[in-house]
Amino acid sequence: MIVSPTVFFFVPLFFALVAVFAGWLYYTLRQRAPAPPRRSRIYRCAGCGHVYADQRDRPLCRCLKCGAMNEALRR
């Protein structure tokens, strides 16, 4: 069986391009949409004055320094 030079050149080129396209498609579809940023609440401790933020949706949060329960600041 005799293989022409054009087939000898274009067949490997075709498979290489298919591999590059498949890799591009895989990595494009694999990416997920970024999660929306969560709004954190800001707290100021009534006992020690420490200012801190917490992303949990709670009306009261414990101070990290003294352990007192505090309400979120209003913006």
PDB file of N, CA and C in Angstrom:
ATOM      1  N   MET A   1       0.845  -1.176   0.000  1.00  0.00           N
ATOM      2  CA  MET A   1       0.000   0.000   0.000  1.00  0.00           C
ATOM      3  C   MET A   1       0.890   1.238   0.000  1.00  0.00           C
ATOM      4  N   ILE A   2       0.646   2.101  -0.917  1.00  0.00           N
ATOM      5  CA  ILE A   2       1.438   3.314  -1.066  1.00  0.00           C
ATOM      6  C   ILE A   2       0.647   4.469  -0.465  1.00  0.00           C
ATOM      7  N   VAL A   3       1.315   5.254   0.410  1.00  0.00           N
ATOM      8  CA  VAL A   3       0.696   6.403   1.064  1.00  0.00           C
ATOM      9  C   VAL A   3       1.259   7.662   0.417  1.00  0.00           C
ATOM     10  N   SER A   4       0.375   8.512  -0.030  1.00  0.00           N
ATOM     11  CA  SER A   4       0.831   9.743  -0.663  1.00  0.00           C
ATOM     12  C   SER A   4       1.357  10.712   0.403  1.00  0.00           C
ATOM     13  N   PRO A   5       2.244  11.590   0.047  1.00  0.00           N
ATOM     14  CA  PRO A   5       2.803  12.546   1.021  1.00  0.00           C
ATOM     15  C   PRO A   5       1.751  13.470   1.627  1.00  0.00           C
ATOM     16  N   THR A   6       0.721  13.804   0.868  1.00  0.00           N
ATOM     17  CA  THR A   6      -0.305  14.690   1.428  1.00  0.00           C
ATOM     18  C   THR A   6      -1.084  13.981   2.537  1.00  0.00           C
ATOM     19  N   VAL A   7      -1.425  12.719   2.353  1.00  0.00           N
ATOM     20  CA  VAL A   7      -2.118  11.965   3.399  1.00  0.00           C
ATOM     21  C   VAL A   7      -1.188  11.775   4.587  1.00  0.00           C
ATOM     22  N   PHE A   8       0.077  11.520   4.331  1.00  0.00           N
ATOM     23  CA  PHE A   8       1.065  11.324   5.386  1.00  0.00           C
ATOM     24  C   PHE A   8       1.210  12.585   6.249  1.00  0.00           C
ATOM     25  N   PHE A   9       0.946  13.767   5.680  1.00  0.00           N
ATOM     26  CA  PHE A   9       1.048  15.026   6.401  1.00  0.00           C
ATOM     27  C   PHE A   9      -0.275  15.429   7.056  1.00  0.00           C
ATOM     28  N   PHE A  10      -1.396  15.305   6.349  1.00  0.00           N
ATOM     29  CA  PHE A  10      -2.663  15.842   6.839  1.00  0.00           C
ATOM     30  C   PHE A  10      -3.368  14.965   7.868  1.00  0.00           C
ATOM     31  N   VAL A  11      -3.194  13.678   7.841  1.00  0.00           N
ATOM     32  CA  VAL A  11      -3.862  12.810   8.827  1.00  0.00           C
ATOM     33  C   VAL A  11      -3.338  13.078  10.243  1.00  0.00           C
ATOM     34  N   PRO A  12      -2.029  13.106  10.481  1.00  0.00           N
ATOM     35  CA  PRO A  12      -1.576  13.454  11.841  1.00  0.00           C
ATOM     36  C   PRO A  12      -1.936  14.882  12.238  1.00  0.00           C
ATOM     37  N   LEU A  13      -1.924  15.793  11.274  1.00  0.00           N
ATOM     38  CA  LEU A  13      -2.311  17.170  11.561  1.00  0.00           C
ATOM     39  C   LEU A  13      -3.774  17.238  11.987  1.00  0.00           C
ATOM     40  N   PHE A  14      -4.638  16.490  11.319  1.00  0.00           N
ATOM     41  CA  PHE A  14      -6.052  16.455  11.663  1.00  0.00           C
ATOM     42  C   PHE A  14      -6.244  15.930  13.089  1.00  0.00           C
ATOM     43  N   PHE A  15      -5.585  14.843  13.453  1.00  0.00           N
ATOM     44  CA  PHE A  15      -5.735  14.279  14.791  1.00  0.00           C
ATOM     45  C   PHE A  15      -5.166  15.204  15.870  1.00  0.00           C
ATOM     46  N   ALA A  16      -4.110  15.921  15.561  1.00  0.00           N
ATOM     47  CA  ALA A  16      -3.556  16.885  16.519  1.00  0.00           C
ATOM     48  C   ALA A  16      -4.534  18.039  16.750  1.00  0.00           C
ATOM     49  N   LEU A  17      -5.159  18.531  15.695  1.00  0.00           N
ATOM     50  CA  LEU A  17      -6.137  19.606  15.838  1.00  0.00           C
ATOM     51  C   LEU A  17      -7.377  19.138  16.592  1.00  0.00           C
ATOM     52  N   VAL A  18      -7.801  17.900  16.359  1.00  0.00           N
ATOM     53  CA  VAL A  18      -8.941  17.356  17.099  1.00  0.00           C
ATOM     54  C   VAL A  18      -8.597  17.254  18.585  1.00  0.00           C
ATOM     55  N   ALA A  19      -7.377  16.846  18.907  1.00  0.00           N
ATOM     56  CA  ALA A  19      -6.959  16.746  20.311  1.00  0.00           C
ATOM     57  C   ALA A  19      -6.918  18.121  20.974  1.00  0.00           C
ATOM     58  N   VAL A  20      -6.427  19.123  20.283  1.00  0.00           N
ATOM     59  CA  VAL A  20      -6.389  20.482  20.833  1.00  0.00           C
ATOM     60  C   VAL A  20      -7.805  21.007  21.043  1.00  0.00           C
ATOM     61  N   PHE A  21      -8.687  20.782  20.096  1.00  0.00           N
ATOM     62  CA  PHE A  21     -10.077  21.220  20.230  1.00  0.00           C
ATOM     63  C   PHE A  21     -10.770  20.504  21.379  1.00  0.00           C
ATOM     64  N   ALA A  22     -10.540  19.211  21.532  1.00  0.00           N
ATOM     65  CA  ALA A  22     -11.158  18.462  22.625  1.00  0.00           C
ATOM     66  C   ALA A  22     -10.656  18.969  23.975  1.00  0.00           C
ATOM     67  N   GLY A  23      -9.372  19.288  24.087  1.00  0.00           N
ATOM     68  CA  GLY A  23      -8.844  19.849  25.331  1.00  0.00           C
ATOM     69  C   GLY A  23      -9.435  21.205  25.639  1.00  0.00           C
ATOM     70  N   TRP A  24      -9.552  22.041  24.634  1.00  0.00           N
ATOM     71  CA  TRP A  24     -10.153  23.364  24.831  1.00  0.00           C
ATOM     72  C   TRP A  24     -11.603  23.231  25.273  1.00  0.00           C
ATOM     73  N   LEU A  25     -12.356  22.346  24.623  1.00  0.00           N
ATOM     74  CA  LEU A  25     -13.761  22.147  24.965  1.00  0.00           C
ATOM     75  C   LEU A  25     -13.912  21.613  26.387  1.00  0.00           C
ATOM     76  N   TYR A  26     -13.063  20.680  26.777  1.00  0.00           N
ATOM     77  CA  TYR A  26     -13.118  20.116  28.123  1.00  0.00           C
ATOM     78  C   TYR A  26     -12.887  21.196  29.179  1.00  0.00           C
ATOM     79  N   TYR A  27     -11.847  21.994  29.025  1.00  0.00           N
ATOM     80  CA  TYR A  27     -11.537  23.006  30.035  1.00  0.00           C
ATOM     81  C   TYR A  27     -12.538  24.163  30.016  1.00  0.00           C
ATOM     82  N   THR A  28     -13.158  24.439  28.888  1.00  0.00           N
ATOM     83  CA  THR A  28     -14.175  25.481  28.834  1.00  0.00           C
ATOM     84  C   THR A  28     -15.444  25.039  29.541  1.00  0.00           C
ATOM     85  N   LEU A  29     -15.859  23.811  29.316  1.00  0.00           N
ATOM     86  CA  LEU A  29     -17.077  23.313  29.947  1.00  0.00           C
ATOM     87  C   LEU A  29     -16.872  22.977  31.421  1.00  0.00           C
ATOM     88  N   ARG A  30     -15.660  22.727  31.817  1.00  0.00           N
ATOM     89  CA  ARG A  30     -15.379  22.359  33.200  1.00  0.00           C
ATOM     90  C   ARG A  30     -15.488  23.540  34.156  1.00  0.00           C
ATOM     91  N   GLN A  31     -15.258  24.727  33.660  1.00  0.00           N
ATOM     92  CA  GLN A  31     -15.312  25.907  34.511  1.00  0.00           C
ATOM     93  C   GLN A  31     -16.747  26.149  34.958  1.00  0.00           C
ATOM     94  N   ARG A  32     -16.897  26.450  36.226  1.00  0.00           N
ATOM     95  CA  ARG A  32     -18.219  26.738  36.775  1.00  0.00           C
ATOM     96  C   ARG A  32     -18.382  28.239  36.934  1.00  0.00           C
ATOM     97  N   ALA A  33     -19.609  28.644  36.961  1.00  0.00           N
ATOM     98  CA  ALA A  33     -19.882  30.059  37.209  1.00  0.00           C
ATOM     99  C   ALA A  33     -19.473  30.382  38.642  1.00  0.00           C
ATOM    100  N   PRO A  34     -18.830  31.504  38.873  1.00  0.00           N
ATOM    101  CA  PRO A  34     -18.418  31.841  40.236  1.00  0.00           C
ATOM    102  C   PRO A  34     -19.629  32.054  41.139  1.00  0.00           C
ATOM    103  N   ALA A  35     -19.474  31.634  42.369  1.00  0.00           N
ATOM    104  CA  ALA A  35     -20.555  31.793  43.346  1.00  0.00           C
ATOM    105  C   ALA A  35     -20.735  33.279  43.661  1.00  0.00           C
ATOM    106  N   PRO A  36     -21.964  33.705  43.865  1.00  0.00           N
ATOM    107  CA  PRO A  36     -22.172  35.118  44.206  1.00  0.00           C
ATOM    108  C   PRO A  36     -21.560  35.418  45.572  1.00  0.00           C
ATOM    109  N   PRO A  37     -20.978  36.583  45.729  1.00  0.00           N
ATOM    110  CA  PRO A  37     -20.356  36.914  47.011  1.00  0.00           C
ATOM    111  C   PRO A  37     -21.397  37.016  48.121  1.00  0.00           C
ATOM    112  N   ARG A  38     -21.061  36.457  49.257  1.00  0.00           N
ATOM    113  CA  ARG A  38     -21.962  36.531  50.403  1.00  0.00           C
ATOM    114  C   ARG A  38     -21.713  37.826  51.143  1.00  0.00           C
ATOM    115  N   ARG A  39     -22.786  38.436  51.567  1.00  0.00           N
ATOM    116  CA  ARG A  39     -22.654  39.678  52.323  1.00  0.00           C
ATOM    117  C   ARG A  39     -22.398  39.330  53.769  1.00  0.00           C
ATOM    118  N   SER A  40     -21.370  39.895  54.323  1.00  0.00           N
ATOM    119  CA  SER A  40     -21.069  39.649  55.725  1.00  0.00           C
ATOM    120  C   SER A  40     -21.648  40.778  56.575  1.00  0.00           C
ATOM    121  N   ARG A  41     -22.010  40.422  57.766  1.00  0.00           N
ATOM    122  CA  ARG A  41     -22.518  41.414  58.719  1.00  0.00           C
ATOM    123  C   ARG A  41     -21.369  41.898  59.578  1.00  0.00           C
ATOM    124  N   ILE A  42     -21.423  43.148  59.935  1.00  0.00           N
ATOM    125  CA  ILE A  42     -20.380  43.750  60.764  1.00  0.00           C
ATOM    126  C   ILE A  42     -20.934  43.918  62.174  1.00  0.00           C
ATOM    127  N   TYR A  43     -20.132  43.517  63.150  1.00  0.00           N
ATOM    128  CA  TYR A  43     -20.517  43.583  64.558  1.00  0.00           C
ATOM    129  C   TYR A  43     -19.498  44.417  65.324  1.00  0.00           C
ATOM    130  N   ARG A  44     -19.977  45.108  66.359  1.00  0.00           N
ATOM    131  CA  ARG A  44     -19.093  45.812  67.295  1.00  0.00           C
ATOM    132  C   ARG A  44     -19.485  45.344  68.684  1.00  0.00           C
ATOM    133  N   CYS A  45     -18.504  44.856  69.408  1.00  0.00           N
ATOM    134  CA  CYS A  45     -18.754  44.318  70.734  1.00  0.00           C
ATOM    135  C   CYS A  45     -19.044  45.457  71.716  1.00  0.00           C
ATOM    136  N   ALA A  46     -20.117  45.294  72.487  1.00  0.00           N
ATOM    137  CA  ALA A  46     -20.479  46.304  73.486  1.00  0.00           C
ATOM    138  C   ALA A  46     -19.551  46.231  74.695  1.00  0.00           C
ATOM    139  N   GLY A  47     -18.954  45.077  74.932  1.00  0.00           N
ATOM    140  CA  GLY A  47     -18.091  44.915  76.107  1.00  0.00           C
ATOM    141  C   GLY A  47     -16.667  45.399  75.885  1.00  0.00           C
ATOM    142  N   CYS A  48     -16.034  44.940  74.805  1.00  0.00           N
ATOM    143  CA  CYS A  48     -14.614  45.262  74.604  1.00  0.00           C
ATOM    144  C   CYS A  48     -14.362  46.194  73.418  1.00  0.00           C
ATOM    145  N   GLY A  49     -15.370  46.456  72.575  1.00  0.00           N
ATOM    146  CA  GLY A  49     -15.208  47.376  71.453  1.00  0.00           C
ATOM    147  C   GLY A  49     -14.596  46.744  70.212  1.00  0.00           C
ATOM    148  N   HIS A  50     -14.396  45.448  70.220  1.00  0.00           N
ATOM    149  CA  HIS A  50     -13.812  44.746  69.081  1.00  0.00           C
ATOM    150  C   HIS A  50     -14.782  44.781  67.895  1.00  0.00           C
ATOM    151  N   VAL A  51     -14.276  45.094  66.694  1.00  0.00           N
ATOM    152  CA  VAL A  51     -15.086  45.118  65.478  1.00  0.00           C
ATOM    153  C   VAL A  51     -14.724  43.889  64.658  1.00  0.00           C
ATOM    154  N   TYR A  52     -15.751  43.134  64.241  1.00  0.00           N
ATOM    155  CA  TYR A  52     -15.505  41.906  63.482  1.00  0.00           C
ATOM    156  C   TYR A  52     -16.649  41.680  62.511  1.00  0.00           C
ATOM    157  N   ALA A  53     -16.427  40.793  61.549  1.00  0.00           N
ATOM    158  CA  ALA A  53     -17.439  40.480  60.537  1.00  0.00           C
ATOM    159  C   ALA A  53     -17.723  38.989  60.575  1.00  0.00           C
ATOM    160  N   ASP A  54     -18.978  38.639  60.256  1.00  0.00           N
ATOM    161  CA  ASP A  54     -19.379  37.242  60.210  1.00  0.00           C
ATOM    162  C   ASP A  54     -20.317  37.063  59.019  1.00  0.00           C
ATOM    163  N   GLN A  55     -20.113  35.992  58.242  1.00  0.00           N
ATOM    164  CA  GLN A  55     -20.917  35.780  57.045  1.00  0.00           C
ATOM    165  C   GLN A  55     -22.180  34.971  57.320  1.00  0.00           C
ATOM    166  N   ARG A  56     -22.320  34.417  58.491  1.00  0.00           N
ATOM    167  CA  ARG A  56     -23.537  33.668  58.804  1.00  0.00           C
ATOM    168  C   ARG A  56     -24.695  34.631  59.011  1.00  0.00           C
ATOM    169  N   ASP A  57     -25.865  34.206  58.650  1.00  0.00           N
ATOM    170  CA  ASP A  57     -27.049  35.057  58.746  1.00  0.00           C
ATOM    171  C   ASP A  57     -27.689  34.852  60.120  1.00  0.00           C
ATOM    172  N   ARG A  58     -27.147  35.521  61.126  1.00  0.00           N
ATOM    173  CA  ARG A  58     -27.649  35.429  62.491  1.00  0.00           C
ATOM    174  C   ARG A  58     -27.877  36.829  63.041  1.00  0.00           C
ATOM    175  N   PRO A  59     -28.917  36.986  63.857  1.00  0.00           N
ATOM    176  CA  PRO A  59     -29.151  38.310  64.452  1.00  0.00           C
ATOM    177  C   PRO A  59     -28.125  38.634  65.534  1.00  0.00           C
ATOM    178  N   LEU A  60     -27.641  37.630  66.254  1.00  0.00           N
ATOM    179  CA  LEU A  60     -26.631  37.818  67.292  1.00  0.00           C
ATOM    180  C   LEU A  60     -25.412  36.967  66.975  1.00  0.00           C
ATOM    181  N   CYS A  61     -24.255  37.511  67.298  1.00  0.00           N
ATOM    182  CA  CYS A  61     -23.013  36.780  67.069  1.00  0.00           C
ATOM    183  C   CYS A  61     -22.096  36.986  68.263  1.00  0.00           C
ATOM    184  N   ARG A  62     -21.389  35.932  68.633  1.00  0.00           N
ATOM    185  CA  ARG A  62     -20.497  35.979  69.783  1.00  0.00           C
ATOM    186  C   ARG A  62     -19.184  36.666  69.414  1.00  0.00           C
ATOM    187  N   CYS A  63     -18.722  37.552  70.301  1.00  0.00           N
ATOM    188  CA  CYS A  63     -17.450  38.257  70.106  1.00  0.00           C
ATOM    189  C   CYS A  63     -16.307  37.253  70.164  1.00  0.00           C
ATOM    190  N   LEU A  64     -15.321  37.445  69.306  1.00  0.00           N
ATOM    191  CA  LEU A  64     -14.193  36.534  69.247  1.00  0.00           C
ATOM    192  C   LEU A  64     -13.216  36.742  70.397  1.00  0.00           C
ATOM    193  N   LYS A  65     -13.216  37.933  70.986  1.00  0.00           N
ATOM    194  CA  LYS A  65     -12.270  38.226  72.065  1.00  0.00           C
ATOM    195  C   LYS A  65     -12.846  37.914  73.449  1.00  0.00           C
ATOM    196  N   CYS A  66     -14.041  38.467  73.737  1.00  0.00           N
ATOM    197  CA  CYS A  66     -14.555  38.338  75.101  1.00  0.00           C
ATOM    198  C   CYS A  66     -15.743  37.393  75.217  1.00  0.00           C
ATOM    199  N   GLY A  67     -16.354  37.002  74.104  1.00  0.00           N
ATOM    200  CA  GLY A  67     -17.453  36.048  74.131  1.00  0.00           C
ATOM    201  C   GLY A  67     -18.828  36.634  74.360  1.00  0.00           C
ATOM    202  N   ALA A  68     -18.951  37.948  74.372  1.00  0.00           N
ATOM    203  CA  ALA A  68     -20.247  38.577  74.582  1.00  0.00           C
ATOM    204  C   ALA A  68     -21.076  38.491  73.287  1.00  0.00           C
ATOM    205  N   MET A  69     -22.411  38.396  73.437  1.00  0.00           N
ATOM    206  CA  MET A  69     -23.305  38.350  72.293  1.00  0.00           C
ATOM    207  C   MET A  69     -23.606  39.783  71.830  1.00  0.00           C
ATOM    208  N   ASN A  70     -23.530  40.031  70.514  1.00  0.00           N
ATOM    209  CA  ASN A  70     -23.708  41.369  69.965  1.00  0.00           C
ATOM    210  C   ASN A  70     -24.635  41.337  68.765  1.00  0.00           C
ATOM    211  N   GLU A  71     -25.335  42.457  68.567  1.00  0.00           N
ATOM    212  CA  GLU A  71     -26.187  42.601  67.378  1.00  0.00           C
ATOM    213  C   GLU A  71     -25.367  43.208  66.233  1.00  0.00           C
ATOM    214  N   ALA A  72     -25.821  42.931  65.030  1.00  0.00           N
ATOM    215  CA  ALA A  72     -25.141  43.488  63.854  1.00  0.00           C
ATOM    216  C   ALA A  72     -25.376  44.986  63.766  1.00  0.00           C
ATOM    217  N   LEU A  73     -24.396  45.702  63.232  1.00  0.00           N
ATOM    218  CA  LEU A  73     -24.542  47.130  63.020  1.00  0.00           C
ATOM    219  C   LEU A  73     -25.434  47.363  61.812  1.00  0.00           C
ATOM    220  N   ARG A  74     -26.195  48.426  61.821  1.00  0.00           N
ATOM    221  CA  ARG A  74     -27.047  48.764  60.678  1.00  0.00           C
ATOM    222  C   ARG A  74     -26.261  49.697  59.763  1.00  0.00           C
ATOM    223  N   ARG A  75     -26.434  49.504  58.471  1.00  0.00           N
ATOM    224  CA  ARG A  75     -25.737  50.361  57.504  1.00  0.00           C
ATOM    225  C   ARG A  75     -26.657  51.425  57.005  1.00  0.00           C
TER     226      ARG A  75
END
